[in-house]
Amino acid sequence: MLETLDPTRLPIHGGDATTVIVTIDIDQLRKEAGIAQILGGTPITAAEARRLACTAGIIPAVLGGSSEVLDFGRKERFFTAAQRRALLLRSATCEAEGCDIPGTWAEAHHWIEWAQGGPTDLDNAALLCSHHHHRAHDAAYLHERLPNGDIRFTRRR
């Protein structure tokens, strides 16, 4: 649902857009195949939580022993409307090699993950269609930026 609804058409509660809190145990976060929990919802993988955090109003809550909150994330990771317009000037389509999905349908992706300290700026941004954005967060694929600016995805062996 988070990936299919237009966030500008969602209701606003108390001045804030609807937000989903995802909880994850610190040990699970450290695992590539760790499990997270949408508050009041069903389990998802840690990788899925990291990917959804790129575009959805998700706040991660990292838990230690006895459900002690170790870190409660922030939402400032989103690219602004002005940054998205600048990305569209740079790339009219998805930046994946050979992809022609319009950039207006693409998602702004942090090249260095926001959770890993990657800044929310144009030098760290890529416009990726949903298909390639999933690949960018899939450990089965490597991705590299080519000299012409395209992003090449290759399956790990």
N, C-alpha and C. Protein backbone atom coordinates (compact mmCIF):
# COMPACT_ATOMS: atom_id res chain seq x y z
N MET A 1 0.82 -1.18 0.00
CA MET A 1 0.00 0.00 0.00
C MET A 1 0.88 1.26 0.00
N LEU A 2 1.97 1.26 0.78
CA LEU A 2 2.83 2.44 0.85
C LEU A 2 3.40 2.82 -0.50
N GLU A 3 3.63 1.83 -1.36
CA GLU A 3 4.26 2.11 -2.64
C GLU A 3 3.26 2.44 -3.74
N THR A 4 1.99 2.19 -3.52
CA THR A 4 1.02 2.40 -4.60
C THR A 4 0.19 3.66 -4.43
N LEU A 5 0.08 4.18 -3.21
CA LEU A 5 -0.72 5.38 -2.99
C LEU A 5 0.11 6.63 -3.18
N ASP A 6 -0.50 7.65 -3.75
CA ASP A 6 0.14 8.95 -3.92
C ASP A 6 0.14 9.64 -2.56
N PRO A 7 1.32 9.93 -1.98
CA PRO A 7 1.35 10.52 -0.63
C PRO A 7 0.65 11.86 -0.55
N THR A 8 0.55 12.59 -1.66
CA THR A 8 -0.13 13.88 -1.62
C THR A 8 -1.64 13.73 -1.52
N ARG A 9 -2.15 12.51 -1.73
CA ARG A 9 -3.59 12.29 -1.65
C ARG A 9 -4.01 11.61 -0.35
N LEU A 10 -3.03 11.33 0.53
CA LEU A 10 -3.34 10.70 1.81
C LEU A 10 -3.83 11.75 2.80
N PRO A 11 -4.63 11.34 3.77
CA PRO A 11 -5.12 12.30 4.76
C PRO A 11 -3.99 12.79 5.66
N ILE A 12 -4.20 13.97 6.21
CA ILE A 12 -3.23 14.55 7.14
C ILE A 12 -3.86 14.56 8.53
N HIS A 13 -3.10 14.14 9.53
CA HIS A 13 -3.58 14.06 10.91
C HIS A 13 -2.74 14.98 11.77
N GLY A 14 -3.36 15.98 12.35
CA GLY A 14 -2.64 16.86 13.27
C GLY A 14 -1.48 17.58 12.63
N GLY A 15 -1.53 17.84 11.34
CA GLY A 15 -0.47 18.56 10.65
C GLY A 15 0.65 17.69 10.11
N ASP A 16 0.67 16.40 10.46
CA ASP A 16 1.71 15.50 9.96
C ASP A 16 1.08 14.48 9.03
N ALA A 17 1.78 14.15 7.97
CA ALA A 17 1.31 13.09 7.08
C ALA A 17 1.30 11.78 7.85
N THR A 18 0.47 10.86 7.42
CA THR A 18 0.40 9.54 8.06
C THR A 18 1.79 8.91 8.03
N THR A 19 2.21 8.35 9.15
CA THR A 19 3.55 7.77 9.29
C THR A 19 3.43 6.36 9.82
N VAL A 20 4.27 5.47 9.33
CA VAL A 20 4.33 4.09 9.79
C VAL A 20 5.61 3.92 10.59
N ILE A 21 5.51 3.28 11.76
CA ILE A 21 6.69 3.00 12.57
C ILE A 21 7.03 1.53 12.40
N VAL A 22 8.28 1.26 12.06
CA VAL A 22 8.78 -0.10 11.90
C VAL A 22 9.75 -0.38 13.04
N THR A 23 9.51 -1.45 13.78
CA THR A 23 10.43 -1.84 14.86
C THR A 23 11.30 -2.99 14.39
N ILE A 24 12.56 -2.97 14.85
CA ILE A 24 13.48 -4.04 14.50
C ILE A 24 14.49 -4.20 15.63
N ASP A 25 14.75 -5.42 16.01
CA ASP A 25 15.75 -5.74 17.03
C ASP A 25 17.14 -5.48 16.45
N ILE A 26 18.04 -4.94 17.25
CA ILE A 26 19.39 -4.60 16.78
C ILE A 26 20.09 -5.80 16.13
N ASP A 27 19.90 -7.00 16.69
CA ASP A 27 20.53 -8.18 16.10
C ASP A 27 19.94 -8.50 14.74
N GLN A 28 18.64 -8.29 14.58
CA GLN A 28 17.99 -8.53 13.29
C GLN A 28 18.45 -7.49 12.25
N LEU A 29 18.63 -6.24 12.70
CA LEU A 29 19.08 -5.18 11.80
C LEU A 29 20.44 -5.51 11.21
N ARG A 30 21.30 -6.13 12.01
CA ARG A 30 22.66 -6.46 11.57
C ARG A 30 22.69 -7.62 10.59
N LYS A 31 21.62 -8.42 10.53
CA LYS A 31 21.55 -9.55 9.60
C LYS A 31 21.01 -9.08 8.26
N GLU A 32 21.57 -9.60 7.19
CA GLU A 32 21.06 -9.27 5.86
C GLU A 32 19.62 -9.74 5.70
N ALA A 33 19.29 -10.89 6.32
CA ALA A 33 17.95 -11.45 6.20
C ALA A 33 17.15 -11.24 7.50
N GLY A 34 17.43 -10.16 8.23
CA GLY A 34 16.73 -9.89 9.48
C GLY A 34 15.26 -9.60 9.25
N ILE A 35 14.50 -9.63 10.34
CA ILE A 35 13.06 -9.41 10.29
C ILE A 35 12.71 -8.15 11.05
N ALA A 36 11.86 -7.31 10.45
CA ALA A 36 11.34 -6.11 11.09
C ALA A 36 9.84 -6.29 11.28
N GLN A 37 9.24 -5.41 12.04
CA GLN A 37 7.80 -5.52 12.32
C GLN A 37 7.17 -4.15 12.11
N ILE A 38 6.15 -4.08 11.25
CA ILE A 38 5.39 -2.85 11.11
C ILE A 38 4.50 -2.77 12.34
N LEU A 39 4.56 -1.65 13.06
CA LEU A 39 3.80 -1.50 14.29
C LEU A 39 2.32 -1.74 14.00
N GLY A 40 1.76 -2.77 14.63
CA GLY A 40 0.37 -3.13 14.41
C GLY A 40 0.14 -3.94 13.15
N GLY A 41 1.22 -4.36 12.50
CA GLY A 41 1.08 -5.07 11.23
C GLY A 41 1.85 -6.38 11.20
N THR A 42 2.25 -6.77 10.01
CA THR A 42 2.91 -8.05 9.80
C THR A 42 4.42 -7.88 9.67
N PRO A 43 5.17 -8.96 9.88
CA PRO A 43 6.63 -8.89 9.74
C PRO A 43 7.05 -8.64 8.28
N ILE A 44 8.15 -7.93 8.13
CA ILE A 44 8.79 -7.73 6.83
C ILE A 44 10.28 -7.93 7.03
N THR A 45 11.02 -8.14 5.94
CA THR A 45 12.46 -8.31 6.08
C THR A 45 13.11 -6.96 6.37
N ALA A 46 14.29 -7.01 6.97
CA ALA A 46 15.04 -5.79 7.23
C ALA A 46 15.36 -5.08 5.92
N ALA A 47 15.69 -5.85 4.88
CA ALA A 47 15.98 -5.25 3.57
C ALA A 47 14.75 -4.53 3.02
N GLU A 48 13.57 -5.12 3.19
CA GLU A 48 12.34 -4.48 2.73
C GLU A 48 12.09 -3.19 3.51
N ALA A 49 12.34 -3.20 4.80
CA ALA A 49 12.17 -2.00 5.61
C ALA A 49 13.11 -0.89 5.15
N ARG A 50 14.37 -1.25 4.82
CA ARG A 50 15.32 -0.25 4.34
C ARG A 50 14.88 0.32 3.00
N ARG A 51 14.36 -0.54 2.11
CA ARG A 51 13.92 -0.07 0.80
C ARG A 51 12.70 0.82 0.91
N LEU A 52 11.73 0.43 1.72
CA LEU A 52 10.53 1.24 1.90
C LEU A 52 10.86 2.59 2.52
N ALA A 53 11.87 2.62 3.36
CA ALA A 53 12.25 3.87 4.02
C ALA A 53 12.73 4.92 3.03
N CYS A 54 13.07 4.53 1.81
CA CYS A 54 13.51 5.49 0.80
C CYS A 54 12.38 6.42 0.40
N THR A 55 11.15 5.91 0.33
CA THR A 55 10.08 6.71 -0.23
C THR A 55 8.84 6.82 0.63
N ALA A 56 8.70 6.01 1.64
CA ALA A 56 7.50 6.03 2.47
C ALA A 56 7.76 6.77 3.77
N GLY A 57 6.69 7.22 4.41
CA GLY A 57 6.81 7.90 5.69
C GLY A 57 7.03 6.90 6.80
N ILE A 58 8.23 6.30 6.83
CA ILE A 58 8.53 5.27 7.82
C ILE A 58 9.57 5.80 8.79
N ILE A 59 9.34 5.57 10.07
CA ILE A 59 10.32 5.90 11.10
C ILE A 59 10.80 4.57 11.69
N PRO A 60 12.10 4.28 11.58
CA PRO A 60 12.61 3.04 12.17
C PRO A 60 12.83 3.19 13.67
N ALA A 61 12.45 2.18 14.42
CA ALA A 61 12.72 2.13 15.86
C ALA A 61 13.56 0.88 16.11
N VAL A 62 14.83 1.07 16.47
CA VAL A 62 15.75 -0.05 16.71
C VAL A 62 15.69 -0.40 18.18
N LEU A 63 15.45 -1.69 18.46
CA LEU A 63 15.25 -2.15 19.82
C LEU A 63 16.41 -3.02 20.29
N GLY A 64 16.77 -2.89 21.57
CA GLY A 64 17.76 -3.75 22.21
C GLY A 64 17.04 -4.79 23.04
N GLY A 65 17.75 -5.40 23.99
CA GLY A 65 17.14 -6.39 24.87
C GLY A 65 15.94 -5.83 25.60
N SER A 66 14.96 -6.68 25.87
CA SER A 66 13.72 -6.30 26.57
C SER A 66 12.98 -5.15 25.88
N SER A 67 13.07 -5.08 24.56
CA SER A 67 12.39 -4.06 23.75
C SER A 67 12.77 -2.63 24.11
N GLU A 68 13.96 -2.44 24.65
CA GLU A 68 14.46 -1.09 24.95
C GLU A 68 14.75 -0.37 23.64
N VAL A 69 14.24 0.86 23.49
CA VAL A 69 14.46 1.63 22.27
C VAL A 69 15.90 2.15 22.28
N LEU A 70 16.71 1.68 21.30
CA LEU A 70 18.10 2.12 21.18
C LEU A 70 18.22 3.33 20.27
N ASP A 71 17.38 3.38 19.24
CA ASP A 71 17.43 4.48 18.28
C ASP A 71 16.04 4.66 17.70
N PHE A 72 15.57 5.88 17.67
CA PHE A 72 14.29 6.19 17.05
C PHE A 72 14.60 7.14 15.91
N GLY A 73 14.45 6.66 14.70
CA GLY A 73 14.89 7.38 13.50
C GLY A 73 14.18 8.70 13.27
N ARG A 74 14.48 9.31 12.15
CA ARG A 74 13.91 10.59 11.78
C ARG A 74 13.43 10.53 10.35
N LYS A 75 12.62 11.49 9.93
CA LYS A 75 12.03 11.46 8.60
C LYS A 75 12.72 12.39 7.60
N GLU A 76 13.75 13.09 7.97
CA GLU A 76 14.35 14.08 7.08
C GLU A 76 15.07 13.48 5.88
N ARG A 77 14.91 12.21 5.67
CA ARG A 77 15.61 11.54 4.57
C ARG A 77 14.98 11.82 3.20
N PHE A 78 13.77 12.35 3.15
CA PHE A 78 13.07 12.51 1.88
C PHE A 78 13.65 13.64 1.05
N PHE A 79 13.73 13.41 -0.26
CA PHE A 79 14.15 14.45 -1.18
C PHE A 79 13.01 15.45 -1.32
N THR A 80 13.35 16.72 -1.41
CA THR A 80 12.34 17.76 -1.53
C THR A 80 11.79 17.80 -2.95
N ALA A 81 10.69 18.51 -3.13
CA ALA A 81 10.12 18.67 -4.47
C ALA A 81 11.12 19.35 -5.39
N ALA A 82 11.84 20.35 -4.88
CA ALA A 82 12.85 21.04 -5.70
C ALA A 82 13.97 20.09 -6.12
N GLN A 83 14.41 19.23 -5.20
CA GLN A 83 15.46 18.26 -5.55
C GLN A 83 14.95 17.27 -6.60
N ARG A 84 13.70 16.83 -6.48
CA ARG A 84 13.15 15.90 -7.48
C ARG A 84 13.07 16.57 -8.85
N ARG A 85 12.71 17.86 -8.88
CA ARG A 85 12.67 18.58 -10.17
C ARG A 85 14.08 18.67 -10.77
N ALA A 86 15.07 18.91 -9.91
CA ALA A 86 16.46 18.96 -10.39
C ALA A 86 16.89 17.60 -10.91
N LEU A 87 16.47 16.52 -10.25
CA LEU A 87 16.78 15.17 -10.74
C LEU A 87 16.14 14.93 -12.10
N LEU A 88 14.93 15.44 -12.30
CA LEU A 88 14.26 15.29 -13.60
C LEU A 88 14.99 16.05 -14.70
N LEU A 89 15.58 17.17 -14.35
CA LEU A 89 16.39 17.90 -15.34
C LEU A 89 17.62 17.10 -15.71
N ARG A 90 18.19 16.41 -14.75
CA ARG A 90 19.38 15.60 -14.99
C ARG A 90 19.04 14.33 -15.75
N SER A 91 17.90 13.71 -15.40
CA SER A 91 17.53 12.42 -15.98
C SER A 91 16.03 12.41 -16.27
N ALA A 92 15.68 12.41 -17.52
CA ALA A 92 14.27 12.41 -17.90
C ALA A 92 13.63 11.04 -17.69
N THR A 93 14.48 10.00 -17.56
CA THR A 93 13.97 8.64 -17.38
C THR A 93 14.69 7.99 -16.20
N CYS A 94 14.25 6.78 -15.86
CA CYS A 94 14.94 5.97 -14.85
C CYS A 94 16.41 5.91 -15.24
N GLU A 95 17.30 6.02 -14.26
CA GLU A 95 18.74 6.06 -14.55
C GLU A 95 19.37 4.69 -14.77
N ALA A 96 18.58 3.61 -14.68
CA ALA A 96 19.12 2.28 -14.95
C ALA A 96 19.43 2.16 -16.43
N GLU A 97 20.53 1.51 -16.72
CA GLU A 97 20.99 1.32 -18.09
C GLU A 97 19.88 0.72 -18.96
N GLY A 98 19.51 1.43 -20.03
CA GLY A 98 18.54 0.93 -20.99
C GLY A 98 17.08 1.08 -20.59
N CYS A 99 16.80 1.63 -19.43
CA CYS A 99 15.41 1.77 -18.97
C CYS A 99 14.84 3.10 -19.47
N ASP A 100 13.62 3.05 -19.99
CA ASP A 100 13.01 4.28 -20.50
C ASP A 100 11.74 4.68 -19.74
N ILE A 101 11.58 4.17 -18.53
CA ILE A 101 10.45 4.57 -17.69
C ILE A 101 10.62 6.07 -17.39
N PRO A 102 9.58 6.89 -17.59
CA PRO A 102 9.71 8.33 -17.34
C PRO A 102 10.15 8.64 -15.91
N GLY A 103 11.01 9.63 -15.78
CA GLY A 103 11.50 10.04 -14.48
C GLY A 103 10.39 10.51 -13.55
N THR A 104 9.29 11.01 -14.11
CA THR A 104 8.16 11.44 -13.28
C THR A 104 7.52 10.26 -12.57
N TRP A 105 7.74 9.04 -13.06
CA TRP A 105 7.22 7.83 -12.43
C TRP A 105 8.25 7.19 -11.51
N ALA A 106 9.46 7.72 -11.51
CA ALA A 106 10.57 7.11 -10.77
C ALA A 106 10.60 7.58 -9.32
N GLU A 107 11.40 6.88 -8.53
CA GLU A 107 11.58 7.18 -7.11
C GLU A 107 13.00 7.69 -6.88
N ALA A 108 13.14 8.65 -6.01
CA ALA A 108 14.47 9.17 -5.68
C ALA A 108 15.13 8.20 -4.70
N HIS A 109 16.29 7.70 -5.08
CA HIS A 109 17.01 6.70 -4.29
C HIS A 109 18.32 7.28 -3.79
N HIS A 110 18.65 7.02 -2.52
CA HIS A 110 19.95 7.42 -1.97
C HIS A 110 21.00 6.42 -2.46
N TRP A 111 21.99 6.89 -3.18
CA TRP A 111 23.08 6.02 -3.66
C TRP A 111 23.79 5.39 -2.47
N ILE A 112 24.20 6.22 -1.51
CA ILE A 112 24.66 5.73 -0.20
C ILE A 112 23.45 5.85 0.71
N GLU A 113 23.01 4.73 1.27
CA GLU A 113 21.78 4.71 2.05
C GLU A 113 21.76 5.79 3.13
N TRP A 114 20.61 6.41 3.28
CA TRP A 114 20.42 7.44 4.29
C TRP A 114 20.74 6.88 5.68
N ALA A 115 20.32 5.65 5.94
CA ALA A 115 20.56 5.02 7.24
C ALA A 115 22.05 4.80 7.50
N GLN A 116 22.85 4.77 6.43
CA GLN A 116 24.30 4.59 6.56
C GLN A 116 25.03 5.93 6.54
N GLY A 117 24.29 7.03 6.69
CA GLY A 117 24.89 8.35 6.71
C GLY A 117 24.90 9.06 5.38
N GLY A 118 24.30 8.47 4.36
CA GLY A 118 24.25 9.10 3.05
C GLY A 118 23.41 10.37 3.07
N PRO A 119 23.92 11.46 2.51
CA PRO A 119 23.18 12.72 2.53
C PRO A 119 22.01 12.72 1.55
N THR A 120 21.03 13.55 1.84
CA THR A 120 19.89 13.72 0.94
C THR A 120 20.22 14.91 0.05
N ASP A 121 21.10 14.67 -0.92
CA ASP A 121 21.48 15.71 -1.88
C ASP A 121 21.60 15.11 -3.27
N LEU A 122 21.72 15.96 -4.26
CA LEU A 122 21.70 15.52 -5.65
C LEU A 122 22.87 14.61 -6.01
N ASP A 123 24.02 14.84 -5.42
CA ASP A 123 25.18 14.00 -5.71
C ASP A 123 25.01 12.57 -5.21
N ASN A 124 24.10 12.37 -4.26
CA ASN A 124 23.86 11.05 -3.69
C ASN A 124 22.51 10.48 -4.12
N ALA A 125 21.94 11.04 -5.18
CA ALA A 125 20.60 10.65 -5.61
C ALA A 125 20.61 9.96 -6.97
N ALA A 126 19.66 9.07 -7.13
CA ALA A 126 19.43 8.42 -8.43
C ALA A 126 17.93 8.29 -8.61
N LEU A 127 17.43 8.55 -9.81
CA LEU A 127 16.02 8.31 -10.12
C LEU A 127 15.90 6.89 -10.65
N LEU A 128 15.12 6.06 -9.96
CA LEU A 128 14.95 4.67 -10.36
C LEU A 128 13.47 4.33 -10.41
N CYS A 129 13.07 3.62 -11.45
CA CYS A 129 11.70 3.11 -11.51
C CYS A 129 11.54 2.08 -10.39
N SER A 130 10.32 1.70 -10.11
CA SER A 130 10.08 0.76 -9.00
C SER A 130 10.86 -0.53 -9.17
N HIS A 131 10.89 -1.08 -10.39
CA HIS A 131 11.62 -2.33 -10.66
C HIS A 131 13.09 -2.19 -10.29
N HIS A 132 13.74 -1.13 -10.78
CA HIS A 132 15.17 -0.97 -10.51
C HIS A 132 15.44 -0.52 -9.08
N HIS A 133 14.48 0.18 -8.47
CA HIS A 133 14.66 0.55 -7.07
C HIS A 133 14.65 -0.71 -6.19
N HIS A 134 13.80 -1.67 -6.53
CA HIS A 134 13.82 -2.95 -5.81
C HIS A 134 15.19 -3.63 -5.98
N ARG A 135 15.72 -3.59 -7.20
CA ARG A 135 17.04 -4.20 -7.45
C ARG A 135 18.14 -3.50 -6.67
N ALA A 136 18.04 -2.19 -6.52
CA ALA A 136 19.07 -1.44 -5.79
C ALA A 136 19.16 -1.90 -4.34
N HIS A 137 18.05 -2.41 -3.81
CA HIS A 137 18.02 -2.88 -2.43
C HIS A 137 18.07 -4.39 -2.31
N ASP A 138 18.26 -5.08 -3.42
CA ASP A 138 18.31 -6.54 -3.43
C ASP A 138 19.77 -6.99 -3.36
N ALA A 139 20.11 -7.71 -2.30
CA ALA A 139 21.50 -8.16 -2.11
C ALA A 139 21.97 -9.10 -3.21
N ALA A 140 21.06 -9.61 -4.02
CA ALA A 140 21.45 -10.51 -5.12
C ALA A 140 22.04 -9.73 -6.30
N TYR A 141 21.96 -8.39 -6.27
CA TYR A 141 22.44 -7.58 -7.37
C TYR A 141 23.49 -6.58 -6.92
N LEU A 142 24.48 -6.37 -7.77
CA LEU A 142 25.45 -5.30 -7.62
C LEU A 142 24.98 -4.16 -8.51
N HIS A 143 25.30 -2.93 -8.15
CA HIS A 143 25.00 -1.82 -9.04
C HIS A 143 26.16 -0.84 -9.03
N GLU A 144 26.40 -0.28 -10.21
CA GLU A 144 27.51 0.66 -10.37
C GLU A 144 27.07 1.78 -11.30
N ARG A 145 27.57 2.98 -11.04
CA ARG A 145 27.29 4.11 -11.92
C ARG A 145 28.33 4.12 -13.03
N LEU A 146 27.86 4.15 -14.26
CA LEU A 146 28.73 4.16 -15.43
C LEU A 146 29.20 5.58 -15.73
N PRO A 147 30.25 5.75 -16.52
CA PRO A 147 30.76 7.09 -16.83
C PRO A 147 29.70 8.02 -17.45
N ASN A 148 28.74 7.44 -18.18
CA ASN A 148 27.71 8.29 -18.79
C ASN A 148 26.58 8.62 -17.82
N GLY A 149 26.65 8.14 -16.56
CA GLY A 149 25.64 8.44 -15.55
C GLY A 149 24.62 7.33 -15.35
N ASP A 150 24.52 6.41 -16.30
CA ASP A 150 23.58 5.29 -16.15
C ASP A 150 24.03 4.38 -15.01
N ILE A 151 23.08 3.61 -14.50
CA ILE A 151 23.37 2.65 -13.44
C ILE A 151 23.19 1.25 -14.01
N ARG A 152 24.23 0.45 -13.88
CA ARG A 152 24.20 -0.93 -14.38
C ARG A 152 23.99 -1.88 -13.20
N PHE A 153 23.03 -2.78 -13.36
CA PHE A 153 22.75 -3.82 -12.37
C PHE A 153 23.25 -5.15 -12.91
N THR A 154 24.00 -5.87 -12.09
CA THR A 154 24.45 -7.21 -12.47
C THR A 154 24.18 -8.16 -11.31
N ARG A 155 23.75 -9.36 -11.66
CA ARG A 155 23.44 -10.37 -10.66
C ARG A 155 24.75 -10.89 -10.06
N ARG A 156 24.78 -10.98 -8.73
CA ARG A 156 25.97 -11.55 -8.06
C ARG A 156 26.07 -13.03 -8.41
N ARG A 157 27.28 -13.55 -8.39
CA ARG A 157 27.47 -14.98 -8.69
C ARG A 157 27.67 -15.75 -7.43
